[in-house]
Amino acid sequence: MTSRNLMIDDQGLLNNFAIEPQMYVDTNVSTGFTKYAEKVNGRFAMIGFVSLLATEILTGHTLIGLLKDILG
């Protein structure tokens, strides 16, 4: 073994992966209703609502009326 924690086998080949990294377990849960996820969802909802209002103001139609004209 060398001083840099690298292993050299009996054939003289260097094995960089001989020392495994230290494993750890993250105990914090990062799924579900977290504060960050709720902030992001709220911001996207606000952007969507403002976009809907802007579309109705610019076209003069409601969302249902606009979809009816497009698909109709």
C-alpha atoms as a PDB file:
ATOM      1  CA  MET A   1       0.000   0.000   0.000  1.00  0.00           C
ATOM      2  CA  THR A   2       1.254   3.472  -0.796  1.00  0.00           C
ATOM      3  CA  SER A   3       0.968   6.600   1.334  1.00  0.00           C
ATOM      4  CA  ARG A   4      -1.934   7.952  -0.789  1.00  0.00           C
ATOM      5  CA  ASN A   5      -4.203   4.979   0.099  1.00  0.00           C
ATOM      6  CA  LEU A   6      -3.805   3.400  -3.334  1.00  0.00           C
ATOM      7  CA  MET A   7      -3.380  -0.338  -3.598  1.00  0.00           C
ATOM      8  CA  ILE A   8      -0.893  -2.071  -5.870  1.00  0.00           C
ATOM      9  CA  ASP A   9      -1.693  -5.743  -6.417  1.00  0.00           C
ATOM     10  CA  ASP A  10       0.744  -8.650  -6.807  1.00  0.00           C
ATOM     11  CA  GLN A  11       1.026  -8.032 -10.580  1.00  0.00           C
ATOM     12  CA  GLY A  12       2.102  -4.430 -10.056  1.00  0.00           C
ATOM     13  CA  LEU A  13      -1.210  -2.951 -11.230  1.00  0.00           C
ATOM     14  CA  LEU A  14      -2.649   0.096  -9.493  1.00  0.00           C
ATOM     15  CA  ASN A  15      -6.121  -0.294  -8.003  1.00  0.00           C
ATOM     16  CA  ASN A  16      -7.659   3.150  -7.409  1.00  0.00           C
ATOM     17  CA  PHE A  17     -10.855   1.710  -5.960  1.00  0.00           C
ATOM     18  CA  ALA A  18      -9.359  -0.368  -3.165  1.00  0.00           C
ATOM     19  CA  ILE A  19     -10.426   2.062  -0.422  1.00  0.00           C
ATOM     20  CA  GLU A  20     -14.201   2.458  -0.248  1.00  0.00           C
ATOM     21  CA  PRO A  21     -15.613   5.906   0.551  1.00  0.00           C
ATOM     22  CA  GLN A  22     -17.143   6.595   3.938  1.00  0.00           C
ATOM     23  CA  MET A  23     -20.893   5.865   3.781  1.00  0.00           C
ATOM     24  CA  TYR A  24     -23.433   8.034   5.560  1.00  0.00           C
ATOM     25  CA  VAL A  25     -27.193   8.070   5.994  1.00  0.00           C
ATOM     26  CA  ASP A  26     -29.084  11.334   5.642  1.00  0.00           C
ATOM     27  CA  THR A  27     -31.773  11.329   8.333  1.00  0.00           C
ATOM     28  CA  ASN A  28     -33.567  14.414   6.965  1.00  0.00           C
ATOM     29  CA  VAL A  29     -36.660  13.599   4.939  1.00  0.00           C
ATOM     30  CA  SER A  30     -36.734  15.644   1.738  1.00  0.00           C
ATOM     31  CA  THR A  31     -40.001  14.405   0.209  1.00  0.00           C
ATOM     32  CA  GLY A  32     -43.587  15.357   0.845  1.00  0.00           C
ATOM     33  CA  PHE A  33     -44.858  18.662   2.195  1.00  0.00           C
ATOM     34  CA  THR A  34     -41.596  20.454   2.904  1.00  0.00           C
ATOM     35  CA  LYS A  35     -41.335  24.229   3.237  1.00  0.00           C
ATOM     36  CA  TYR A  36     -39.281  24.480   0.049  1.00  0.00           C
ATOM     37  CA  ALA A  37     -41.754  22.413  -1.995  1.00  0.00           C
ATOM     38  CA  GLU A  38     -44.689  24.471  -0.743  1.00  0.00           C
ATOM     39  CA  LYS A  39     -42.923  27.727  -1.646  1.00  0.00           C
ATOM     40  CA  VAL A  40     -42.167  26.502  -5.172  1.00  0.00           C
ATOM     41  CA  ASN A  41     -45.716  25.208  -5.706  1.00  0.00           C
ATOM     42  CA  GLY A  42     -47.175  28.478  -4.448  1.00  0.00           C
ATOM     43  CA  ARG A  43     -44.973  30.522  -6.754  1.00  0.00           C
ATOM     44  CA  PHE A  44     -45.928  28.443  -9.787  1.00  0.00           C
ATOM     45  CA  ALA A  45     -49.604  28.789  -8.842  1.00  0.00           C
ATOM     46  CA  MET A  46     -49.235  32.575  -8.646  1.00  0.00           C
ATOM     47  CA  ILE A  47     -47.510  32.670 -12.042  1.00  0.00           C
ATOM     48  CA  GLY A  48     -50.282  30.540 -13.547  1.00  0.00           C
ATOM     49  CA  PHE A  49     -53.031  32.699 -12.065  1.00  0.00           C
ATOM     50  CA  VAL A  50     -51.447  35.938 -13.283  1.00  0.00           C
ATOM     51  CA  SER A  51     -50.942  34.381 -16.731  1.00  0.00           C
ATOM     52  CA  LEU A  52     -54.622  33.403 -16.831  1.00  0.00           C
ATOM     53  CA  LEU A  53     -55.677  36.934 -15.901  1.00  0.00           C
ATOM     54  CA  ALA A  54     -53.342  38.438 -18.506  1.00  0.00           C
ATOM     55  CA  THR A  55     -54.726  36.099 -21.179  1.00  0.00           C
ATOM     56  CA  GLU A  56     -58.304  37.055 -20.332  1.00  0.00           C
ATOM     57  CA  ILE A  57     -57.478  40.778 -20.367  1.00  0.00           C
ATOM     58  CA  LEU A  58     -55.564  40.623 -23.665  1.00  0.00           C
ATOM     59  CA  THR A  59     -58.059  38.442 -25.546  1.00  0.00           C
ATOM     60  CA  GLY A  60     -61.298  39.640 -23.956  1.00  0.00           C
ATOM     61  CA  HIS A  61     -62.469  36.042 -23.521  1.00  0.00           C
ATOM     62  CA  THR A  62     -62.687  33.818 -20.477  1.00  0.00           C
ATOM     63  CA  LEU A  63     -60.627  30.633 -20.397  1.00  0.00           C
ATOM     64  CA  ILE A  64     -63.639  28.481 -21.230  1.00  0.00           C
ATOM     65  CA  GLY A  65     -64.648  30.812 -24.094  1.00  0.00           C
ATOM     66  CA  LEU A  66     -61.092  30.829 -25.434  1.00  0.00           C
ATOM     67  CA  LEU A  67     -60.881  27.045 -25.368  1.00  0.00           C
ATOM     68  CA  LYS A  68     -64.299  26.811 -27.003  1.00  0.00           C
ATOM     69  CA  ASP A  69     -63.111  29.057 -29.864  1.00  0.00           C
ATOM     70  CA  ILE A  70     -59.855  27.136 -30.312  1.00  0.00           C
ATOM     71  CA  LEU A  71     -61.383  23.661 -30.201  1.00  0.00           C
ATOM     72  CA  GLY A  72     -64.767  24.605 -31.638  1.00  0.00           C
END
